C-alpha atoms as a PDB file:
ATOM      1  CA  UNK A   1       2.412  13.753 -12.069  1.00  0.00           C
ATOM      2  CA  UNK A   2       4.018  10.470 -12.581  1.00  0.00           C
ATOM      3  CA  UNK A   3       6.336   9.422 -15.353  1.00  0.00           C
ATOM      4  CA  UNK A   4       5.452   6.853 -18.013  1.00  0.00           C
ATOM      5  CA  UNK A   5       7.624   4.265 -16.509  1.00  0.00           C
ATOM      6  CA  UNK A   6       6.414   4.555 -13.011  1.00  0.00           C
ATOM      7  CA  UNK A   7       4.356   1.147 -11.992  1.00  0.00           C
ATOM      8  CA  UNK A   8       1.131   1.348  -9.879  1.00  0.00           C
ATOM      9  CA  UNK A   9      -0.613  -1.407  -8.171  1.00  0.00           C
ATOM     10  CA  UNK A  10      -4.018  -1.564  -6.353  1.00  0.00           C
ATOM     11  CA  UNK A  11      -4.334  -4.051  -3.753  1.00  0.00           C
ATOM     12  CA  UNK A  12      -7.564  -4.766  -1.997  1.00  0.00           C
ATOM     13  CA  UNK A  13      -7.645  -6.552   1.673  1.00  0.00           C
ATOM     14  CA  UNK A  14      -4.292  -5.416   2.751  1.00  0.00           C
ATOM     15  CA  UNK A  15      -4.793  -5.780   6.648  1.00  0.00           C
ATOM     16  CA  UNK A  16      -3.525  -9.456   6.682  1.00  0.00           C
ATOM     17  CA  UNK A  17      -2.579 -12.429   4.538  1.00  0.00           C
ATOM     18  CA  UNK A  18      -1.814 -12.168   0.839  1.00  0.00           C
ATOM     19  CA  UNK A  19      -2.714  -8.644   0.637  1.00  0.00           C
ATOM     20  CA  UNK A  20      -0.640  -7.434   3.526  1.00  0.00           C
ATOM     21  CA  UNK A  21       2.362  -9.380   2.047  1.00  0.00           C
ATOM     22  CA  UNK A  22       1.930  -8.084  -1.323  1.00  0.00           C
ATOM     23  CA  UNK A  23       2.019  -4.279  -0.190  1.00  0.00           C
ATOM     24  CA  UNK A  24       5.585  -4.947   1.234  1.00  0.00           C
ATOM     25  CA  UNK A  25       6.806  -6.990  -1.819  1.00  0.00           C
ATOM     26  CA  UNK A  26       5.515  -4.486  -4.513  1.00  0.00           C
ATOM     27  CA  UNK A  27       7.284  -1.661  -2.318  1.00  0.00           C
ATOM     28  CA  UNK A  28      10.503  -3.550  -2.232  1.00  0.00           C
ATOM     29  CA  UNK A  29      10.309  -3.372  -6.003  1.00  0.00           C
ATOM     30  CA  UNK A  30       9.695   0.140  -6.609  1.00  0.00           C
ATOM     31  CA  UNK A  31       6.079   0.179  -7.207  1.00  0.00           C
ATOM     32  CA  UNK A  32       3.668   2.816  -6.206  1.00  0.00           C
ATOM     33  CA  UNK A  33       1.348   1.003  -3.930  1.00  0.00           C
ATOM     34  CA  UNK A  34      -2.402   1.644  -3.189  1.00  0.00           C
ATOM     35  CA  UNK A  35      -3.296  -0.232  -0.487  1.00  0.00           C
ATOM     36  CA  UNK A  36      -6.946  -0.535   0.678  1.00  0.00           C
ATOM     37  CA  UNK A  37      -8.674  -2.074   3.521  1.00  0.00           C
ATOM     38  CA  UNK A  38     -11.702  -1.663   5.925  1.00  0.00           C
ATOM     39  CA  UNK A  39     -11.033   1.082   8.602  1.00  0.00           C
ATOM     40  CA  UNK A  40      -7.972   2.246   7.222  1.00  0.00           C
ATOM     41  CA  UNK A  41      -7.680   5.286   9.375  1.00  0.00           C
ATOM     42  CA  UNK A  42      -7.649   3.118  12.442  1.00  0.00           C
ATOM     43  CA  UNK A  43      -5.114   0.576  10.887  1.00  0.00           C
ATOM     44  CA  UNK A  44      -2.496   2.963   9.540  1.00  0.00           C
ATOM     45  CA  UNK A  45      -0.084   1.821  12.120  1.00  0.00           C
ATOM     46  CA  UNK A  46      -0.115  -1.631  10.485  1.00  0.00           C
ATOM     47  CA  UNK A  47       2.056   0.061   7.663  1.00  0.00           C
ATOM     48  CA  UNK A  48       4.316   2.420   9.710  1.00  0.00           C
ATOM     49  CA  UNK A  49       7.387   0.618   8.757  1.00  0.00           C
ATOM     50  CA  UNK A  50       6.429   0.649   5.118  1.00  0.00           C
ATOM     51  CA  UNK A  51       5.454   4.457   5.061  1.00  0.00           C
ATOM     52  CA  UNK A  52       9.058   5.297   6.854  1.00  0.00           C
ATOM     53  CA  UNK A  53      10.882   3.354   4.400  1.00  0.00           C
ATOM     54  CA  UNK A  54       9.051   4.197   1.090  1.00  0.00           C
ATOM     55  CA  UNK A  55       7.855   7.749   1.182  1.00  0.00           C
ATOM     56  CA  UNK A  56       5.500   8.949  -1.463  1.00  0.00           C
ATOM     57  CA  UNK A  57       5.116   5.236  -2.745  1.00  0.00           C
ATOM     58  CA  UNK A  58       2.390   3.969  -0.361  1.00  0.00           C
ATOM     59  CA  UNK A  59      -1.058   5.377  -0.178  1.00  0.00           C
ATOM     60  CA  UNK A  60      -3.808   3.762   2.399  1.00  0.00           C
ATOM     61  CA  UNK A  61      -7.220   4.189   1.270  1.00  0.00           C
ATOM     62  CA  UNK A  62     -10.503   2.957   3.045  1.00  0.00           C
ATOM     63  CA  UNK A  63     -12.379   0.452   0.979  1.00  0.00           C
ATOM     64  CA  UNK A  64     -15.265  -1.903   2.235  1.00  0.00           C
ATOM     65  CA  UNK A  65     -16.414  -3.928  -0.682  1.00  0.00           C
END
Protein backbone atom coordinates (compact mmCIF):
# COMPACT_ATOMS: atom_id res chain seq x y z
CA UNK A 1 0.00 0.00 0.00
CA UNK A 2 1.30 3.44 -0.92
CA UNK A 3 0.95 6.44 1.32
CA UNK A 4 -1.16 9.32 0.12
CA UNK A 5 1.89 11.52 -0.54
CA UNK A 6 3.48 9.13 -3.08
CA UNK A 7 3.22 10.29 -6.66
CA UNK A 8 2.71 7.76 -9.44
CA UNK A 9 3.13 8.31 -13.16
CA UNK A 10 2.08 6.03 -16.06
CA UNK A 11 4.21 6.54 -19.20
CA UNK A 12 3.64 4.91 -22.59
CA UNK A 13 6.22 4.44 -25.35
CA UNK A 14 9.21 4.08 -23.04
CA UNK A 15 11.63 2.24 -25.32
CA UNK A 16 13.03 5.48 -26.79
CA UNK A 17 12.58 9.20 -27.23
CA UNK A 18 10.58 11.33 -24.82
CA UNK A 19 9.03 8.34 -23.08
CA UNK A 20 12.42 6.84 -22.30
CA UNK A 21 13.78 10.14 -21.02
CA UNK A 22 10.72 10.76 -18.87
CA UNK A 23 11.24 7.46 -17.03
CA UNK A 24 14.66 8.54 -15.78
CA UNK A 25 13.54 12.04 -14.84
CA UNK A 26 10.48 10.95 -12.87
CA UNK A 27 12.53 8.35 -11.00
CA UNK A 28 15.18 10.95 -10.12
CA UNK A 29 12.44 13.03 -8.50
CA UNK A 30 11.09 10.16 -6.41
CA UNK A 31 8.03 9.21 -8.42
CA UNK A 32 6.78 5.64 -8.63
CA UNK A 33 7.02 5.09 -12.36
CA UNK A 34 5.02 2.67 -14.49
CA UNK A 35 6.80 2.36 -17.83
CA UNK A 36 4.97 0.66 -20.69
CA UNK A 37 6.27 -0.51 -24.04
CA UNK A 38 5.84 -3.22 -26.62
CA UNK A 39 7.81 -6.41 -25.99
CA UNK A 40 8.56 -5.29 -22.45
CA UNK A 41 9.99 -8.63 -21.34
CA UNK A 42 12.57 -8.61 -24.13
CA UNK A 43 13.46 -4.95 -23.51
CA UNK A 44 13.79 -4.93 -19.70
CA UNK A 45 17.55 -4.54 -20.02
CA UNK A 46 16.97 -0.99 -21.32
CA UNK A 47 16.09 -0.08 -17.73
CA UNK A 48 18.70 -2.07 -15.82
CA UNK A 49 20.43 1.03 -14.42
CA UNK A 50 17.14 2.56 -13.26
CA UNK A 51 15.92 -0.70 -11.73
CA UNK A 52 19.13 -0.97 -9.73
CA UNK A 53 19.16 2.69 -8.65
CA UNK A 54 15.43 2.88 -7.82
CA UNK A 55 14.26 -0.50 -6.52
CA UNK A 56 10.51 -0.76 -5.95
CA UNK A 57 9.88 2.48 -7.84
CA UNK A 58 9.98 1.25 -11.44
CA UNK A 59 7.42 -1.12 -12.90
CA UNK A 60 7.77 -2.20 -16.53
CA UNK A 61 4.64 -3.47 -18.24
CA UNK A 62 3.87 -4.61 -21.79
CA UNK A 63 1.46 -2.40 -23.71
CA UNK A 64 0.70 -2.44 -27.42
CA UNK A 65 -1.85 0.20 -28.35
